[in-house]
Amino acid sequence: WNHEMPDLEAPLYAENLGTEEKRELKESVV
């Protein structure tokens, strides 16, 4: 979510707990 300008939908991300690497899973979800 964009904390400064909240929107109704936002991208869904995955974060690896070991490497902290992030990747987008879905472009827009609620």
PDB file of all heavy atoms in Angstrom:
ATOM      1  N   TRP A   1       0.830  -1.203   0.000  1.00  0.00           N
ATOM      2  CA  TRP A   1       0.000   0.000   0.000  1.00  0.00           C
ATOM      3  C   TRP A   1       0.870   1.261   0.000  1.00  0.00           C
ATOM      4  O   TRP A   1       1.928   1.288   0.612  1.00  0.00           O
ATOM      5  CB  TRP A   1      -0.902   0.033   1.233  1.00  0.00           C
ATOM      6  CG  TRP A   1      -1.890  -1.083   1.322  1.00  0.00           C
ATOM      7  CD1 TRP A   1      -1.831  -2.163   2.166  1.00  0.00           C
ATOM      8  CD2 TRP A   1      -3.081  -1.248   0.554  1.00  0.00           C
ATOM      9  NE1 TRP A   1      -2.911  -2.977   1.972  1.00  0.00           N
ATOM     10  CE2 TRP A   1      -3.704  -2.441   0.986  1.00  0.00           C
ATOM     11  CE3 TRP A   1      -3.695  -0.499  -0.457  1.00  0.00           C
ATOM     12  CZ2 TRP A   1      -4.902  -2.910   0.450  1.00  0.00           C
ATOM     13  CZ3 TRP A   1      -4.879  -0.957  -0.995  1.00  0.00           C
ATOM     14  CH2 TRP A   1      -5.478  -2.144  -0.547  1.00  0.00           C
ATOM     15  N   ASN A   2       0.397   2.290  -0.659  1.00  0.00           N
ATOM     16  CA  ASN A   2       1.037   3.600  -0.615  1.00  0.00           C
ATOM     17  C   ASN A   2       0.549   4.310   0.646  1.00  0.00           C
ATOM     18  O   ASN A   2      -0.596   4.747   0.720  1.00  0.00           O
ATOM     19  CB  ASN A   2       0.677   4.414  -1.871  1.00  0.00           C
ATOM     20  CG  ASN A   2       1.417   5.739  -1.931  1.00  0.00           C
ATOM     21  OD1 ASN A   2       1.741   6.339  -0.904  1.00  0.00           O
ATOM     22  ND2 ASN A   2       1.681   6.205  -3.138  1.00  0.00           N
ATOM     23  N   HIS A   3       1.404   4.411   1.662  1.00  0.00           N
ATOM     24  CA  HIS A   3       0.988   4.939   2.953  1.00  0.00           C
ATOM     25  C   HIS A   3       0.721   6.439   2.907  1.00  0.00           C
ATOM     26  O   HIS A   3      -0.025   6.969   3.734  1.00  0.00           O
ATOM     27  CB  HIS A   3       2.048   4.647   4.007  1.00  0.00           C
ATOM     28  CG  HIS A   3       2.288   3.175   4.172  1.00  0.00           C
ATOM     29  ND1 HIS A   3       3.408   2.667   4.796  1.00  0.00           N
ATOM     30  CD2 HIS A   3       1.554   2.097   3.781  1.00  0.00           C
ATOM     31  CE1 HIS A   3       3.347   1.348   4.794  1.00  0.00           C
ATOM     32  NE2 HIS A   3       2.245   0.982   4.185  1.00  0.00           N
ATOM     33  N   GLU A   4       1.333   7.135   1.994  1.00  0.00           N
ATOM     34  CA  GLU A   4       1.144   8.584   1.916  1.00  0.00           C
ATOM     35  C   GLU A   4      -0.111   8.956   1.125  1.00  0.00           C
ATOM     36  O   GLU A   4      -0.784   9.931   1.441  1.00  0.00           O
ATOM     37  CB  GLU A   4       2.378   9.235   1.267  1.00  0.00           C
ATOM     38  CG  GLU A   4       3.682   8.948   1.994  1.00  0.00           C
ATOM     39  CD  GLU A   4       3.628   9.363   3.460  1.00  0.00           C
ATOM     40  OE1 GLU A   4       3.032  10.419   3.757  1.00  0.00           O
ATOM     41  OE2 GLU A   4       4.184   8.626   4.299  1.00  0.00           O
ATOM     42  N   MET A   5      -0.422   8.165   0.116  1.00  0.00           N
ATOM     43  CA  MET A   5      -1.620   8.414  -0.699  1.00  0.00           C
ATOM     44  C   MET A   5      -2.374   7.090  -0.854  1.00  0.00           C
ATOM     45  O   MET A   5      -2.230   6.402  -1.870  1.00  0.00           O
ATOM     46  CB  MET A   5      -1.246   8.993  -2.069  1.00  0.00           C
ATOM     47  CG  MET A   5      -0.573  10.346  -2.008  1.00  0.00           C
ATOM     48  SD  MET A   5      -0.216  10.992  -3.658  1.00  0.00           S
ATOM     49  CE  MET A   5      -1.873  11.138  -4.348  1.00  0.00           C
ATOM     50  N   PRO A   6      -3.156   6.695   0.178  1.00  0.00           N
ATOM     51  CA  PRO A   6      -3.847   5.404   0.148  1.00  0.00           C
ATOM     52  C   PRO A   6      -4.725   5.246  -1.081  1.00  0.00           C
ATOM     53  O   PRO A   6      -5.420   6.171  -1.494  1.00  0.00           O
ATOM     54  CB  PRO A   6      -4.684   5.431   1.433  1.00  0.00           C
ATOM     55  CG  PRO A   6      -3.972   6.379   2.337  1.00  0.00           C
ATOM     56  CD  PRO A   6      -3.394   7.427   1.429  1.00  0.00           C
ATOM     57  N   ASP A   7      -4.659   4.078  -1.686  1.00  0.00           N
ATOM     58  CA  ASP A   7      -5.464   3.751  -2.857  1.00  0.00           C
ATOM     59  C   ASP A   7      -6.344   2.564  -2.521  1.00  0.00           C
ATOM     60  O   ASP A   7      -6.154   1.887  -1.509  1.00  0.00           O
ATOM     61  CB  ASP A   7      -4.544   3.434  -4.044  1.00  0.00           C
ATOM     62  CG  ASP A   7      -5.249   3.627  -5.380  1.00  0.00           C
ATOM     63  OD1 ASP A   7      -6.466   3.891  -5.369  1.00  0.00           O
ATOM     64  OD2 ASP A   7      -4.576   3.515  -6.416  1.00  0.00           O
ATOM     65  N   LEU A   8      -7.320   2.281  -3.384  1.00  0.00           N
ATOM     66  CA  LEU A   8      -8.238   1.182  -3.134  1.00  0.00           C
ATOM     67  C   LEU A   8      -7.642  -0.175  -3.488  1.00  0.00           C
ATOM     68  O   LEU A   8      -8.080  -1.203  -2.979  1.00  0.00           O
ATOM     69  CB  LEU A   8      -9.540   1.399  -3.911  1.00  0.00           C
ATOM     70  CG  LEU A   8     -10.415   2.557  -3.410  1.00  0.00           C
ATOM     71  CD1 LEU A   8     -11.577   2.799  -4.365  1.00  0.00           C
ATOM     72  CD2 LEU A   8     -10.952   2.272  -2.017  1.00  0.00           C
ATOM     73  N   GLU A   9      -6.641  -0.211  -4.364  1.00  0.00           N
ATOM     74  CA  GLU A   9      -5.959  -1.448  -4.716  1.00  0.00           C
ATOM     75  C   GLU A   9      -4.451  -1.192  -4.754  1.00  0.00           C
ATOM     76  O   GLU A   9      -4.014  -0.050  -4.908  1.00  0.00           O
ATOM     77  CB  GLU A   9      -6.432  -1.980  -6.076  1.00  0.00           C
ATOM     78  CG  GLU A   9      -7.902  -2.389  -6.100  1.00  0.00           C
ATOM     79  CD  GLU A   9      -8.267  -3.171  -7.350  1.00  0.00           C
ATOM     80  OE1 GLU A   9      -7.572  -4.160  -7.659  1.00  0.00           O
ATOM     81  OE2 GLU A   9      -9.241  -2.781  -8.030  1.00  0.00           O
ATOM     82  N   ALA A  10      -3.685  -2.269  -4.614  1.00  0.00           N
ATOM     83  CA  ALA A  10      -2.223  -2.138  -4.624  1.00  0.00           C
ATOM     84  C   ALA A  10      -1.608  -3.479  -5.025  1.00  0.00           C
ATOM     85  O   ALA A  10      -2.272  -4.519  -4.983  1.00  0.00           O
ATOM     86  CB  ALA A  10      -1.717  -1.708  -3.243  1.00  0.00           C
ATOM     87  N   PRO A  11      -0.331  -3.480  -5.393  1.00  0.00           N
ATOM     88  CA  PRO A  11       0.322  -4.737  -5.802  1.00  0.00           C
ATOM     89  C   PRO A  11       0.519  -5.697  -4.637  1.00  0.00           C
ATOM     90  O   PRO A  11       0.726  -5.285  -3.493  1.00  0.00           O
ATOM     91  CB  PRO A  11       1.679  -4.261  -6.357  1.00  0.00           C
ATOM     92  CG  PRO A  11       1.537  -2.790  -6.564  1.00  0.00           C
ATOM     93  CD  PRO A  11       0.547  -2.312  -5.577  1.00  0.00           C
ATOM     94  N   LEU A  12       0.481  -6.982  -4.945  1.00  0.00           N
ATOM     95  CA  LEU A  12       0.787  -8.031  -3.978  1.00  0.00           C
ATOM     96  C   LEU A  12       2.227  -8.478  -4.190  1.00  0.00           C
ATOM     97  O   LEU A  12       2.615  -8.845  -5.298  1.00  0.00           O
ATOM     98  CB  LEU A  12      -0.163  -9.219  -4.163  1.00  0.00           C
ATOM     99  CG  LEU A  12       0.135 -10.476  -3.327  1.00  0.00           C
ATOM    100  CD1 LEU A  12       0.065 -10.173  -1.839  1.00  0.00           C
ATOM    101  CD2 LEU A  12      -0.830 -11.605  -3.703  1.00  0.00           C
ATOM    102  N   TYR A  13       3.021  -8.432  -3.111  1.00  0.00           N
ATOM    103  CA  TYR A  13       4.439  -8.779  -3.188  1.00  0.00           C
ATOM    104  C   TYR A  13       4.752  -9.988  -2.315  1.00  0.00           C
ATOM    105  O   TYR A  13       4.069 -10.262  -1.331  1.00  0.00           O
ATOM    106  CB  TYR A  13       5.304  -7.609  -2.729  1.00  0.00           C
ATOM    107  CG  TYR A  13       5.622  -6.605  -3.816  1.00  0.00           C
ATOM    108  CD1 TYR A  13       4.720  -5.594  -4.149  1.00  0.00           C
ATOM    109  CD2 TYR A  13       6.827  -6.676  -4.518  1.00  0.00           C
ATOM    110  CE1 TYR A  13       5.005  -4.680  -5.149  1.00  0.00           C
ATOM    111  CE2 TYR A  13       7.127  -5.764  -5.514  1.00  0.00           C
ATOM    112  CZ  TYR A  13       6.210  -4.778  -5.836  1.00  0.00           C
ATOM    113  OH  TYR A  13       6.499  -3.880  -6.836  1.00  0.00           O
ATOM    114  N   ALA A  14       5.828 -10.679  -2.683  1.00  0.00           N
ATOM    115  CA  ALA A  14       6.420 -11.727  -1.864  1.00  0.00           C
ATOM    116  C   ALA A  14       7.774 -11.248  -1.385  1.00  0.00           C
ATOM    117  O   ALA A  14       8.502 -10.576  -2.121  1.00  0.00           O
ATOM    118  CB  ALA A  14       6.561 -13.020  -2.659  1.00  0.00           C
ATOM    119  N   GLU A  15       8.126 -11.581  -0.139  1.00  0.00           N
ATOM    120  CA  GLU A  15       9.445 -11.240   0.402  1.00  0.00           C
ATOM    121  C   GLU A  15      10.097 -12.497   0.975  1.00  0.00           C
ATOM    122  O   GLU A  15       9.487 -13.206   1.780  1.00  0.00           O
ATOM    123  CB  GLU A  15       9.346 -10.175   1.487  1.00  0.00           C
ATOM    124  CG  GLU A  15      10.696  -9.816   2.101  1.00  0.00           C
ATOM    125  CD  GLU A  15      10.605  -8.722   3.141  1.00  0.00           C
ATOM    126  OE1 GLU A  15       9.564  -8.030   3.216  1.00  0.00           O
ATOM    127  OE2 GLU A  15      11.588  -8.569   3.890  1.00  0.00           O
ATOM    128  N   ASN A  16      11.303 -12.771   0.544  1.00  0.00           N
ATOM    129  CA  ASN A  16      12.059 -13.911   1.056  1.00  0.00           C
ATOM    130  C   ASN A  16      12.578 -13.579   2.455  1.00  0.00           C
ATOM    131  O   ASN A  16      13.230 -12.550   2.655  1.00  0.00           O
ATOM    132  CB  ASN A  16      13.214 -14.250   0.111  1.00  0.00           C
ATOM    133  CG  ASN A  16      13.940 -15.511   0.519  1.00  0.00           C
ATOM    134  OD1 ASN A  16      14.660 -15.543   1.503  1.00  0.00           O
ATOM    135  ND2 ASN A  16      13.738 -16.578  -0.256  1.00  0.00           N
ATOM    136  N   LEU A  17      12.304 -14.439   3.422  1.00  0.00           N
ATOM    137  CA  LEU A  17      12.679 -14.155   4.804  1.00  0.00           C
ATOM    138  C   LEU A  17      14.187 -14.236   5.028  1.00  0.00           C
ATOM    139  O   LEU A  17      14.708 -13.637   5.970  1.00  0.00           O
ATOM    140  CB  LEU A  17      11.965 -15.123   5.743  1.00  0.00           C
ATOM    141  CG  LEU A  17      10.451 -14.938   5.840  1.00  0.00           C
ATOM    142  CD1 LEU A  17       9.821 -16.073   6.633  1.00  0.00           C
ATOM    143  CD2 LEU A  17      10.114 -13.597   6.467  1.00  0.00           C
ATOM    144  N   GLY A  18      14.892 -14.952   4.173  1.00  0.00           N
ATOM    145  CA  GLY A  18      16.342 -15.059   4.318  1.00  0.00           C
ATOM    146  C   GLY A  18      17.077 -13.930   3.619  1.00  0.00           C
ATOM    147  O   GLY A  18      17.894 -13.231   4.221  1.00  0.00           O
ATOM    148  N   THR A  19      16.776 -13.723   2.344  1.00  0.00           N
ATOM    149  CA  THR A  19      17.499 -12.734   1.546  1.00  0.00           C
ATOM    150  C   THR A  19      16.858 -11.355   1.565  1.00  0.00           C
ATOM    151  O   THR A  19      17.483 -10.376   1.151  1.00  0.00           O
ATOM    152  CB  THR A  19      17.577 -13.207   0.084  1.00  0.00           C
ATOM    153  OG1 THR A  19      16.238 -13.244  -0.464  1.00  0.00           O
ATOM    154  CG2 THR A  19      18.193 -14.595  -0.004  1.00  0.00           C
ATOM    155  N   GLU A  20      15.590 -11.268   2.024  1.00  0.00           N
ATOM    156  CA  GLU A  20      14.798 -10.042   2.010  1.00  0.00           C
ATOM    157  C   GLU A  20      14.523  -9.545   0.589  1.00  0.00           C
ATOM    158  O   GLU A  20      14.103  -8.414   0.383  1.00  0.00           O
ATOM    159  CB  GLU A  20      15.443  -8.932   2.843  1.00  0.00           C
ATOM    160  CG  GLU A  20      15.589  -9.307   4.314  1.00  0.00           C
ATOM    161  CD  GLU A  20      16.137  -8.176   5.167  1.00  0.00           C
ATOM    162  OE1 GLU A  20      16.467  -7.109   4.607  1.00  0.00           O
ATOM    163  OE2 GLU A  20      16.231  -8.365   6.392  1.00  0.00           O
ATOM    164  N   GLU A  21      14.756 -10.393  -0.388  1.00  0.00           N
ATOM    165  CA  GLU A  21      14.446 -10.037  -1.774  1.00  0.00           C
ATOM    166  C   GLU A  21      12.933 -10.009  -1.973  1.00  0.00           C
ATOM    167  O   GLU A  21      12.209 -10.890  -1.497  1.00  0.00           O
ATOM    168  CB  GLU A  21      15.076 -11.063  -2.720  1.00  0.00           C
ATOM    169  CG  GLU A  21      14.842 -10.769  -4.197  1.00  0.00           C
ATOM    170  CD  GLU A  21      15.430 -11.839  -5.103  1.00  0.00           C
ATOM    171  OE1 GLU A  21      16.141 -12.729  -4.582  1.00  0.00           O
ATOM    172  OE2 GLU A  21      15.166 -11.790  -6.312  1.00  0.00           O
ATOM    173  N   LYS A  22      12.457  -9.001  -2.698  1.00  0.00           N
ATOM    174  CA  LYS A  22      11.024  -8.824  -2.943  1.00  0.00           C
ATOM    175  C   LYS A  22      10.716  -9.009  -4.419  1.00  0.00           C
ATOM    176  O   LYS A  22      11.521  -8.648  -5.283  1.00  0.00           O
ATOM    177  CB  LYS A  22      10.556  -7.434  -2.484  1.00  0.00           C
ATOM    178  CG  LYS A  22      10.762  -7.161  -1.001  1.00  0.00           C
ATOM    179  CD  LYS A  22      10.349  -5.743  -0.647  1.00  0.00           C
ATOM    180  CE  LYS A  22      10.543  -5.445   0.836  1.00  0.00           C
ATOM    181  NZ  LYS A  22      11.947  -5.454   1.242  1.00  0.00           N
ATOM    182  N   ARG A  23       9.531  -9.583  -4.694  1.00  0.00           N
ATOM    183  CA  ARG A  23       9.081  -9.728  -6.077  1.00  0.00           C
ATOM    184  C   ARG A  23       7.573  -9.560  -6.136  1.00  0.00           C
ATOM    185  O   ARG A  23       6.853  -9.913  -5.193  1.00  0.00           O
ATOM    186  CB  ARG A  23       9.470 -11.093  -6.644  1.00  0.00           C
ATOM    187  CG  ARG A  23       8.911 -12.282  -5.884  1.00  0.00           C
ATOM    188  CD  ARG A  23       9.528 -13.598  -6.326  1.00  0.00           C
ATOM    189  NE  ARG A  23       9.013 -14.719  -5.536  1.00  0.00           N
ATOM    190  CZ  ARG A  23       7.977 -15.477  -5.894  1.00  0.00           C
ATOM    191  NH1 ARG A  23       7.343 -15.216  -7.050  1.00  0.00           N
ATOM    192  NH2 ARG A  23       7.563 -16.472  -5.134  1.00  0.00           N
ATOM    193  N   GLU A  24       7.099  -8.994  -7.243  1.00  0.00           N
ATOM    194  CA  GLU A  24       5.667  -8.764  -7.403  1.00  0.00           C
ATOM    195  C   GLU A  24       4.972 -10.044  -7.852  1.00  0.00           C
ATOM    196  O   GLU A  24       5.408 -10.718  -8.775  1.00  0.00           O
ATOM    197  CB  GLU A  24       5.420  -7.655  -8.430  1.00  0.00           C
ATOM    198  CG  GLU A  24       3.940  -7.286  -8.566  1.00  0.00           C
ATOM    199  CD  GLU A  24       3.712  -6.150  -9.557  1.00  0.00           C
ATOM    200  OE1 GLU A  24       4.279  -5.049  -9.338  1.00  0.00           O
ATOM    201  OE2 GLU A  24       2.988  -6.367 -10.550  1.00  0.00           O
ATOM    202  N   LEU A  25       3.861 -10.373  -7.158  1.00  0.00           N
ATOM    203  CA  LEU A  25       3.079 -11.553  -7.516  1.00  0.00           C
ATOM    204  C   LEU A  25       1.855 -11.189  -8.351  1.00  0.00           C
ATOM    205  O   LEU A  25       1.554 -11.844  -9.345  1.00  0.00           O
ATOM    206  CB  LEU A  25       2.612 -12.291  -6.246  1.00  0.00           C
ATOM    207  CG  LEU A  25       3.684 -12.853  -5.328  1.00  0.00           C
ATOM    208  CD1 LEU A  25       3.040 -13.550  -4.142  1.00  0.00           C
ATOM    209  CD2 LEU A  25       4.594 -13.819  -6.087  1.00  0.00           C
ATOM    210  N   LYS A  26       1.136 -10.148  -7.909  1.00  0.00           N
ATOM    211  CA  LYS A  26      -0.050  -9.690  -8.617  1.00  0.00           C
ATOM    212  C   LYS A  26      -0.043  -8.164  -8.660  1.00  0.00           C
ATOM    213  O   LYS A  26       0.318  -7.506  -7.688  1.00  0.00           O
ATOM    214  CB  LYS A  26      -1.340 -10.180  -7.932  1.00  0.00           C
ATOM    215  CG  LYS A  26      -1.479 -11.708  -7.907  1.00  0.00           C
ATOM    216  CD  LYS A  26      -1.616 -12.280  -9.311  1.00  0.00           C
ATOM    217  CE  LYS A  26      -1.520 -13.790  -9.320  1.00  0.00           C
ATOM    218  NZ  LYS A  26      -1.531 -14.344 -10.685  1.00  0.00           N
ATOM    219  N   GLU A  27      -0.465  -7.637  -9.791  1.00  0.00           N
ATOM    220  CA  GLU A  27      -0.354  -6.188 -10.013  1.00  0.00           C
ATOM    221  C   GLU A  27      -1.302  -5.384  -9.144  1.00  0.00           C
ATOM    222  O   GLU A  27      -0.956  -4.286  -8.692  1.00  0.00           O
ATOM    223  CB  GLU A  27      -0.630  -5.882 -11.489  1.00  0.00           C
ATOM    224  CG  GLU A  27      -0.458  -4.416 -11.844  1.00  0.00           C
ATOM    225  CD  GLU A  27      -0.725  -4.141 -13.314  1.00  0.00           C
ATOM    226  OE1 GLU A  27      -1.006  -5.092 -14.069  1.00  0.00           O
ATOM    227  OE2 GLU A  27      -0.650  -2.960 -13.714  1.00  0.00           O
ATOM    228  N   SER A  28      -2.499  -5.908  -8.869  1.00  0.00           N
ATOM    229  CA  SER A  28      -3.494  -5.095  -8.176  1.00  0.00           C
ATOM    230  C   SER A  28      -4.479  -5.984  -7.421  1.00  0.00           C
ATOM    231  O   SER A  28      -5.212  -6.759  -8.036  1.00  0.00           O
ATOM    232  CB  SER A  28      -4.243  -4.233  -9.194  1.00  0.00           C
ATOM    233  OG  SER A  28      -5.144  -3.366  -8.549  1.00  0.00           O
ATOM    234  N   VAL A  29      -4.471  -5.878  -6.083  1.00  0.00           N
ATOM    235  CA  VAL A  29      -5.412  -6.641  -5.268  1.00  0.00           C
ATOM    236  C   VAL A  29      -5.969  -5.756  -4.156  1.00  0.00           C
ATOM    237  O   VAL A  29      -5.416  -4.697  -3.835  1.00  0.00           O
ATOM    238  CB  VAL A  29      -4.755  -7.892  -4.638  1.00  0.00           C
ATOM    239  CG1 VAL A  29      -4.191  -8.808  -5.710  1.00  0.00           C
ATOM    240  CG2 VAL A  29      -3.691  -7.511  -3.626  1.00  0.00           C
ATOM    241  N   VAL A  30      -7.058  -6.210  -3.584  1.00  0.00           N
ATOM    242  CA  VAL A  30      -7.675  -5.562  -2.430  1.00  0.00           C
ATOM    243  C   VAL A  30      -7.392  -6.371  -1.171  1.00  0.00           C
ATOM    244  O   VAL A  30      -7.139  -5.842  -0.102  1.00  0.00           O
ATOM    245  CB  VAL A  30      -9.202  -5.438  -2.632  1.00  0.00           C
ATOM    246  CG1 VAL A  30      -9.869  -4.849  -1.389  1.00  0.00           C
ATOM    247  CG2 VAL A  30      -9.517  -4.602  -3.860  1.00  0.00           C
TER     248      VAL A  30
END
